[in-house]
N, C-alpha and C. Protein backbone atom coordinates (compact mmCIF):
# COMPACT_ATOMS: atom_id res chain seq x y z
N MET A 1 67.60 -25.30 8.45
CA MET A 1 66.21 -25.04 8.09
C MET A 1 65.44 -24.60 10.14
N MET A 2 64.60 -24.24 9.87
CA MET A 2 64.19 -23.84 11.66
C MET A 2 63.47 -25.15 12.24
N ASN A 3 63.58 -25.04 13.54
CA ASN A 3 63.01 -26.00 14.43
C ASN A 3 61.62 -26.08 14.87
N TYR A 4 61.39 -26.74 15.34
CA TYR A 4 59.87 -27.12 15.16
C TYR A 4 59.22 -25.68 15.74
N LYS A 5 59.64 -25.51 16.80
CA LYS A 5 58.75 -23.86 17.66
C LYS A 5 58.99 -23.06 16.89
N GLU A 6 60.08 -22.30 16.46
CA GLU A 6 59.75 -21.71 15.57
C GLU A 6 58.77 -21.23 14.28
N LEU A 7 58.86 -22.61 13.65
CA LEU A 7 57.94 -22.69 12.96
C LEU A 7 56.33 -22.87 12.92
N ILE A 8 56.40 -23.24 13.90
CA ILE A 8 54.78 -22.96 14.76
C ILE A 8 54.70 -21.69 15.33
N THR A 9 55.55 -21.02 15.76
CA THR A 9 55.23 -19.58 16.13
C THR A 9 54.98 -18.67 15.13
N PHE A 10 55.91 -19.33 13.95
CA PHE A 10 55.73 -17.97 12.56
C PHE A 10 54.69 -18.32 11.96
N SER A 11 53.89 -19.87 12.36
CA SER A 11 52.80 -20.05 11.84
C SER A 11 51.09 -19.75 12.56
N ILE A 12 51.59 -19.19 13.62
CA ILE A 12 50.25 -18.74 14.42
C ILE A 12 49.85 -17.25 13.90
N ILE A 13 51.54 -16.40 14.16
CA ILE A 13 51.33 -15.23 14.78
C ILE A 13 50.96 -14.60 13.03
N PRO A 14 51.00 -14.50 12.08
CA PRO A 14 50.57 -14.14 10.71
C PRO A 14 48.70 -14.31 11.07
N TRP A 15 48.28 -15.55 11.37
CA TRP A 15 47.19 -15.41 11.57
C TRP A 15 46.04 -15.03 12.73
N ILE A 16 47.00 -14.71 13.49
CA ILE A 16 46.52 -13.66 14.68
C ILE A 16 46.43 -12.16 14.38
N ASN A 17 47.10 -11.94 13.78
CA ASN A 17 47.61 -10.53 12.95
C ASN A 17 46.13 -9.86 12.19
N VAL A 18 45.93 -11.15 11.09
CA VAL A 18 44.45 -11.33 10.16
C VAL A 18 43.17 -11.27 11.31
N LEU A 19 43.51 -12.05 12.42
CA LEU A 19 42.41 -12.04 13.29
C LEU A 19 42.26 -10.72 13.86
N MET A 20 43.15 -10.26 14.65
CA MET A 20 43.32 -8.68 14.93
C MET A 20 42.47 -7.45 14.03
N LEU A 21 42.67 -7.86 12.54
CA LEU A 21 42.44 -6.59 11.84
C LEU A 21 41.17 -6.91 11.56
N TYR A 22 40.62 -7.91 11.39
CA TYR A 22 39.41 -8.13 11.26
C TYR A 22 38.25 -7.97 12.41
N THR A 23 38.52 -8.23 13.64
CA THR A 23 38.10 -7.98 14.59
C THR A 23 37.67 -6.43 14.74
N LEU A 24 38.97 -5.63 14.55
CA LEU A 24 38.89 -4.35 14.02
C LEU A 24 37.94 -3.46 13.57
N ASN A 25 37.95 -4.69 12.16
CA ASN A 25 36.83 -4.19 11.03
C ASN A 25 35.17 -4.75 11.66
N PHE A 26 35.41 -5.28 12.18
CA PHE A 26 33.76 -6.05 12.46
C PHE A 26 33.30 -4.92 13.84
N PHE A 27 33.97 -4.59 14.63
CA PHE A 27 33.35 -3.32 15.65
C PHE A 27 33.57 -1.75 14.63
N LYS A 28 34.12 -1.73 13.94
CA LYS A 28 33.99 -0.62 13.04
C LYS A 28 34.87 0.15 13.54
N ILE A 29 36.02 -0.17 13.93
CA ILE A 29 37.32 0.60 14.55
C ILE A 29 37.95 1.36 12.97
N GLU A 30 37.78 2.32 13.01
CA GLU A 30 38.68 2.99 11.39
C GLU A 30 38.97 3.93 11.49
N HIS A 31 40.09 3.94 12.29
CA HIS A 31 41.08 4.70 12.58
C HIS A 31 42.23 4.85 11.33
N THR A 32 42.76 6.28 10.97
CA THR A 32 43.73 5.69 9.78
C THR A 32 45.14 5.14 10.34
N LEU A 33 45.36 4.88 11.38
CA LEU A 33 46.73 4.19 11.55
C LEU A 33 46.39 2.39 11.45
N VAL A 34 45.27 2.23 11.94
CA VAL A 34 44.63 0.78 11.64
C VAL A 34 44.81 0.73 10.07
N GLY A 35 43.80 1.67 9.42
CA GLY A 35 43.89 1.12 8.16
C GLY A 35 45.44 1.13 7.28
N VAL A 36 46.22 2.06 7.92
CA VAL A 36 47.27 1.89 7.34
C VAL A 36 48.10 0.65 7.85
N TYR A 37 47.99 0.45 8.62
CA TYR A 37 48.94 -0.89 9.49
C TYR A 37 47.74 -2.33 8.63
N HIS A 38 46.91 -2.03 8.19
CA HIS A 38 46.19 -3.15 7.77
C HIS A 38 46.31 -3.38 6.03
N GLU A 39 46.80 -2.25 5.67
CA GLU A 39 47.36 -2.34 4.10
C GLU A 39 48.60 -2.96 4.38
N LEU A 40 49.73 -2.59 5.11
CA LEU A 40 51.06 -2.71 4.83
C LEU A 40 51.09 -4.56 5.42
N THR A 41 50.36 -4.57 6.34
CA THR A 41 50.55 -6.27 7.31
C THR A 41 49.55 -7.14 6.20
N MET A 42 48.60 -7.23 5.72
CA MET A 42 47.58 -7.69 5.30
C MET A 42 48.41 -9.12 4.22
N LEU A 43 48.82 -8.43 3.25
CA LEU A 43 49.22 -9.68 2.50
C LEU A 43 50.56 -10.14 3.04
N PRO A 44 51.25 -9.77 3.82
CA PRO A 44 52.60 -10.57 4.39
C PRO A 44 52.16 -11.32 5.12
N SER A 45 50.79 -11.08 6.00
CA SER A 45 50.59 -12.05 6.97
C SER A 45 49.88 -12.99 6.28
N LEU A 46 48.93 -13.16 5.19
CA LEU A 46 48.58 -13.82 4.32
C LEU A 46 49.34 -15.42 3.81
N LEU A 47 50.68 -14.35 3.26
CA LEU A 47 51.46 -15.00 2.75
C LEU A 47 52.30 -16.16 3.61
N PHE A 48 52.81 -15.30 4.67
CA PHE A 48 53.27 -16.37 5.45
C PHE A 48 52.61 -17.10 6.41
N GLY A 49 51.54 -16.60 6.59
CA GLY A 49 50.38 -17.70 7.10
C GLY A 49 50.29 -19.22 6.13
N CYS A 50 50.84 -18.84 5.14
CA CYS A 50 50.19 -20.18 4.35
C CYS A 50 51.59 -20.82 3.61
N ILE A 51 52.79 -19.87 3.73
CA ILE A 51 54.02 -20.61 3.38
C ILE A 51 54.64 -21.39 5.14
N PHE A 52 54.70 -20.82 5.69
CA PHE A 52 55.32 -21.55 7.08
C PHE A 52 54.71 -22.88 7.66
N PRO A 53 53.16 -22.96 7.59
CA PRO A 53 52.72 -24.11 7.54
C PRO A 53 52.97 -25.24 6.92
N VAL A 54 53.24 -25.27 5.20
CA VAL A 54 53.66 -25.97 4.33
C VAL A 54 54.95 -26.42 4.85
N LEU A 55 55.76 -25.34 5.16
CA LEU A 55 57.17 -25.72 5.73
C LEU A 55 57.61 -26.52 7.04
N LEU A 56 56.68 -26.04 7.90
CA LEU A 56 56.24 -27.47 8.85
C LEU A 56 55.95 -28.67 8.44
N ALA A 57 54.61 -28.72 7.51
CA ALA A 57 54.36 -30.41 7.29
C ALA A 57 55.90 -30.51 6.23
N ILE A 58 56.14 -30.11 5.57
CA ILE A 58 57.56 -31.08 4.86
C ILE A 58 58.55 -31.35 5.79
N LYS A 59 58.88 -30.53 6.67
CA LYS A 59 59.62 -30.66 7.80
C LYS A 59 59.50 -32.18 8.61
N PHE A 60 58.60 -32.08 9.06
CA PHE A 60 57.77 -32.97 9.97
C PHE A 60 57.69 -34.23 8.81
N PHE A 61 57.21 -34.40 8.10
CA PHE A 61 56.75 -35.49 6.95
C PHE A 61 58.52 -36.09 6.93
N ARG A 62 59.14 -34.94 6.22
CA ARG A 62 60.84 -35.70 6.11
C ARG A 62 61.49 -36.36 7.27
N ASN A 63 60.93 -35.64 8.32
CA ASN A 63 61.80 -36.37 9.41
C ASN A 63 60.82 -37.95 9.61
N PHE A 64 59.67 -37.82 9.76
CA PHE A 64 58.80 -38.96 9.75
C PHE A 64 59.25 -40.10 9.07
N PHE A 65 59.66 -39.54 7.94
CA PHE A 65 59.82 -41.00 7.13
C PHE A 65 61.35 -40.74 6.77
N THR A 66 62.38 -40.82 7.06
CA THR A 66 63.73 -40.58 7.16
C THR A 66 64.11 -42.02 8.07
N PRO A 67 64.59 -42.61 7.65
CA PRO A 67 64.42 -44.21 8.49
C PRO A 67 65.89 -43.71 9.43
N SER A 68 65.98 -44.00 10.65
CA SER A 68 67.16 -43.91 11.91
C SER A 68 68.22 -44.96 11.48
């Protein structure tokens, strides 16, 4: 399984992508490439942004409650 640093990185990067896309939308930057990028990355970003924090929590609590 991944270490904590990788899980935290992969938990934050998808949300940065979502933030960037909605910032471009807020400032009404509507180029064709931005639209294509939005369509190709929005769903994977949301899915990975939800899955990796759950995996991080599972790993943390599994290590926290495991007797040493």
